[in-house]
Protein backbone atom coordinates (compact mmCIF):
# COMPACT_ATOMS: atom_id res chain seq x y z
CA UNK A 1 0.00 0.00 0.00
CA UNK A 2 1.02 3.60 -0.55
CA UNK A 3 1.90 5.10 2.84
CA UNK A 4 2.68 8.74 3.56
CA UNK A 5 5.13 9.96 6.16
CA UNK A 6 4.64 12.79 8.63
CA UNK A 7 7.93 14.16 9.93
CA UNK A 8 9.05 16.77 12.44
CA UNK A 9 5.74 18.26 13.49
CA UNK A 10 6.21 20.94 16.13
CA UNK A 11 4.00 23.58 17.71
CA UNK A 12 5.34 26.40 19.89
CA UNK A 13 4.61 26.11 23.61
CA UNK A 14 2.25 29.10 23.48
CA UNK A 15 0.17 27.47 20.74
CA UNK A 16 -0.10 24.05 22.42
CA UNK A 17 -3.56 23.07 23.56
CA UNK A 18 -5.23 25.31 20.99
CA UNK A 19 -5.81 22.62 18.37
CA UNK A 20 -3.02 23.79 16.06
CA UNK A 21 -1.17 20.45 16.10
CA UNK A 22 -4.35 18.44 15.48
CA UNK A 23 -5.30 20.76 12.61
CA UNK A 24 -1.87 20.28 11.03
CA UNK A 25 -2.11 16.49 11.32
CA UNK A 26 -5.60 16.49 9.81
CA UNK A 27 -4.41 18.67 6.90
CA UNK A 28 -1.56 16.23 6.23
CA UNK A 29 -4.01 13.32 6.31
CA UNK A 30 -6.30 15.11 3.85
CA UNK A 31 -3.36 15.72 1.51
CA UNK A 32 -2.47 12.02 1.81
CA UNK A 33 -6.03 11.01 0.89
CA UNK A 34 -5.94 13.37 -2.10
CA UNK A 35 -2.88 11.43 -3.28
CA UNK A 36 -4.65 8.07 -2.80
CA UNK A 37 -2.41 7.04 0.09
CA UNK A 38 -3.82 4.41 2.43
CA UNK A 39 -2.04 5.32 5.68
CA UNK A 40 0.27 7.83 7.33
CA UNK A 41 3.33 6.81 9.35
CA UNK A 42 5.27 8.92 11.82
CA UNK A 43 7.95 8.64 14.50
CA UNK A 44 6.59 10.16 17.71
CA UNK A 45 8.55 11.22 20.74
CA UNK A 46 7.29 8.93 23.48
CA UNK A 47 5.93 11.84 25.53
CA UNK A 48 3.67 12.70 22.54
CA UNK A 49 2.18 9.22 22.06
CA UNK A 50 -1.10 10.21 23.72
CA UNK A 51 -1.54 13.18 21.36
CA UNK A 52 -1.23 10.96 18.29
CA UNK A 53 -3.30 8.16 19.84
CA UNK A 54 -6.17 10.63 20.34
CA UNK A 55 -5.93 11.35 16.59
CA UNK A 56 -6.24 7.64 15.74
CA UNK A 57 -2.59 6.61 15.42
CA UNK A 58 -1.36 3.28 16.78
CA UNK A 59 2.19 2.64 17.99
CA UNK A 60 4.06 -0.38 16.66
CA UNK A 61 7.53 -1.81 17.11
CA UNK A 62 10.03 -1.12 19.87
CA UNK A 63 11.07 2.23 21.28
CA UNK A 64 14.14 3.68 19.55
CA UNK A 65 16.34 6.77 19.98
CA UNK A 66 16.26 9.63 17.49
CA UNK A 67 18.52 12.61 18.23
CA UNK A 68 18.91 11.17 21.74
CA UNK A 69 15.14 11.26 22.39
CA UNK A 70 13.03 8.07 22.77
CA UNK A 71 10.54 7.55 19.91
CA UNK A 72 7.98 4.99 18.72
CA UNK A 73 6.77 4.34 15.19
CA UNK A 74 3.06 5.01 14.70
CA UNK A 75 0.56 4.57 11.86
CA UNK A 76 -2.99 5.67 11.06
CA UNK A 77 -4.90 3.87 8.36
CA UNK A 78 -6.88 6.34 6.30
C-alpha atoms as a PDB file:
ATOM      1  CA  UNK A   1       0.000   0.000   0.000  1.00  0.00           C
ATOM      2  CA  UNK A   2       1.017   3.603  -0.548  1.00  0.00           C
ATOM      3  CA  UNK A   3       1.897   5.098   2.836  1.00  0.00           C
ATOM      4  CA  UNK A   4       2.679   8.739   3.561  1.00  0.00           C
ATOM      5  CA  UNK A   5       5.128   9.961   6.159  1.00  0.00           C
ATOM      6  CA  UNK A   6       4.636  12.794   8.632  1.00  0.00           C
ATOM      7  CA  UNK A   7       7.933  14.156   9.930  1.00  0.00           C
ATOM      8  CA  UNK A   8       9.054  16.765  12.440  1.00  0.00           C
ATOM      9  CA  UNK A   9       5.739  18.260  13.490  1.00  0.00           C
ATOM     10  CA  UNK A  10       6.215  20.941  16.126  1.00  0.00           C
ATOM     11  CA  UNK A  11       4.005  23.584  17.707  1.00  0.00           C
ATOM     12  CA  UNK A  12       5.335  26.397  19.888  1.00  0.00           C
ATOM     13  CA  UNK A  13       4.608  26.109  23.605  1.00  0.00           C
ATOM     14  CA  UNK A  14       2.248  29.105  23.476  1.00  0.00           C
ATOM     15  CA  UNK A  15       0.168  27.467  20.741  1.00  0.00           C
ATOM     16  CA  UNK A  16      -0.104  24.049  22.423  1.00  0.00           C
ATOM     17  CA  UNK A  17      -3.563  23.070  23.557  1.00  0.00           C
ATOM     18  CA  UNK A  18      -5.235  25.313  20.993  1.00  0.00           C
ATOM     19  CA  UNK A  19      -5.811  22.619  18.369  1.00  0.00           C
ATOM     20  CA  UNK A  20      -3.016  23.786  16.061  1.00  0.00           C
ATOM     21  CA  UNK A  21      -1.172  20.446  16.101  1.00  0.00           C
ATOM     22  CA  UNK A  22      -4.348  18.441  15.484  1.00  0.00           C
ATOM     23  CA  UNK A  23      -5.296  20.761  12.607  1.00  0.00           C
ATOM     24  CA  UNK A  24      -1.867  20.283  11.025  1.00  0.00           C
ATOM     25  CA  UNK A  25      -2.107  16.491  11.321  1.00  0.00           C
ATOM     26  CA  UNK A  26      -5.603  16.489   9.812  1.00  0.00           C
ATOM     27  CA  UNK A  27      -4.408  18.668   6.904  1.00  0.00           C
ATOM     28  CA  UNK A  28      -1.565  16.230   6.230  1.00  0.00           C
ATOM     29  CA  UNK A  29      -4.011  13.323   6.310  1.00  0.00           C
ATOM     30  CA  UNK A  30      -6.300  15.112   3.853  1.00  0.00           C
ATOM     31  CA  UNK A  31      -3.359  15.720   1.508  1.00  0.00           C
ATOM     32  CA  UNK A  32      -2.468  12.021   1.808  1.00  0.00           C
ATOM     33  CA  UNK A  33      -6.034  11.014   0.893  1.00  0.00           C
ATOM     34  CA  UNK A  34      -5.938  13.374  -2.103  1.00  0.00           C
ATOM     35  CA  UNK A  35      -2.881  11.429  -3.276  1.00  0.00           C
ATOM     36  CA  UNK A  36      -4.655   8.075  -2.795  1.00  0.00           C
ATOM     37  CA  UNK A  37      -2.413   7.042   0.091  1.00  0.00           C
ATOM     38  CA  UNK A  38      -3.824   4.405   2.429  1.00  0.00           C
ATOM     39  CA  UNK A  39      -2.045   5.322   5.679  1.00  0.00           C
ATOM     40  CA  UNK A  40       0.272   7.831   7.331  1.00  0.00           C
ATOM     41  CA  UNK A  41       3.329   6.805   9.355  1.00  0.00           C
ATOM     42  CA  UNK A  42       5.274   8.917  11.822  1.00  0.00           C
ATOM     43  CA  UNK A  43       7.945   8.642  14.500  1.00  0.00           C
ATOM     44  CA  UNK A  44       6.588  10.163  17.706  1.00  0.00           C
ATOM     45  CA  UNK A  45       8.553  11.223  20.742  1.00  0.00           C
ATOM     46  CA  UNK A  46       7.293   8.929  23.485  1.00  0.00           C
ATOM     47  CA  UNK A  47       5.930  11.835  25.527  1.00  0.00           C
ATOM     48  CA  UNK A  48       3.670  12.702  22.543  1.00  0.00           C
ATOM     49  CA  UNK A  49       2.182   9.217  22.062  1.00  0.00           C
ATOM     50  CA  UNK A  50      -1.098  10.209  23.716  1.00  0.00           C
ATOM     51  CA  UNK A  51      -1.536  13.181  21.361  1.00  0.00           C
ATOM     52  CA  UNK A  52      -1.232  10.958  18.295  1.00  0.00           C
ATOM     53  CA  UNK A  53      -3.303   8.157  19.838  1.00  0.00           C
ATOM     54  CA  UNK A  54      -6.172  10.627  20.343  1.00  0.00           C
ATOM     55  CA  UNK A  55      -5.931  11.346  16.594  1.00  0.00           C
ATOM     56  CA  UNK A  56      -6.244   7.639  15.739  1.00  0.00           C
ATOM     57  CA  UNK A  57      -2.586   6.613  15.419  1.00  0.00           C
ATOM     58  CA  UNK A  58      -1.360   3.284  16.779  1.00  0.00           C
ATOM     59  CA  UNK A  59       2.185   2.636  17.986  1.00  0.00           C
ATOM     60  CA  UNK A  60       4.059  -0.384  16.663  1.00  0.00           C
ATOM     61  CA  UNK A  61       7.533  -1.813  17.107  1.00  0.00           C
ATOM     62  CA  UNK A  62      10.027  -1.119  19.870  1.00  0.00           C
ATOM     63  CA  UNK A  63      11.066   2.235  21.276  1.00  0.00           C
ATOM     64  CA  UNK A  64      14.139   3.682  19.548  1.00  0.00           C
ATOM     65  CA  UNK A  65      16.342   6.770  19.976  1.00  0.00           C
ATOM     66  CA  UNK A  66      16.262   9.631  17.493  1.00  0.00           C
ATOM     67  CA  UNK A  67      18.518  12.607  18.234  1.00  0.00           C
ATOM     68  CA  UNK A  68      18.910  11.172  21.743  1.00  0.00           C
ATOM     69  CA  UNK A  69      15.141  11.257  22.387  1.00  0.00           C
ATOM     70  CA  UNK A  70      13.032   8.074  22.766  1.00  0.00           C
ATOM     71  CA  UNK A  71      10.543   7.550  19.911  1.00  0.00           C
ATOM     72  CA  UNK A  72       7.978   4.994  18.718  1.00  0.00           C
ATOM     73  CA  UNK A  73       6.770   4.340  15.193  1.00  0.00           C
ATOM     74  CA  UNK A  74       3.057   5.011  14.695  1.00  0.00           C
ATOM     75  CA  UNK A  75       0.560   4.569  11.862  1.00  0.00           C
ATOM     76  CA  UNK A  76      -2.985   5.672  11.060  1.00  0.00           C
ATOM     77  CA  UNK A  77      -4.901   3.874   8.357  1.00  0.00           C
ATOM     78  CA  UNK A  78      -6.880   6.342   6.296  1.00  0.00           C
END
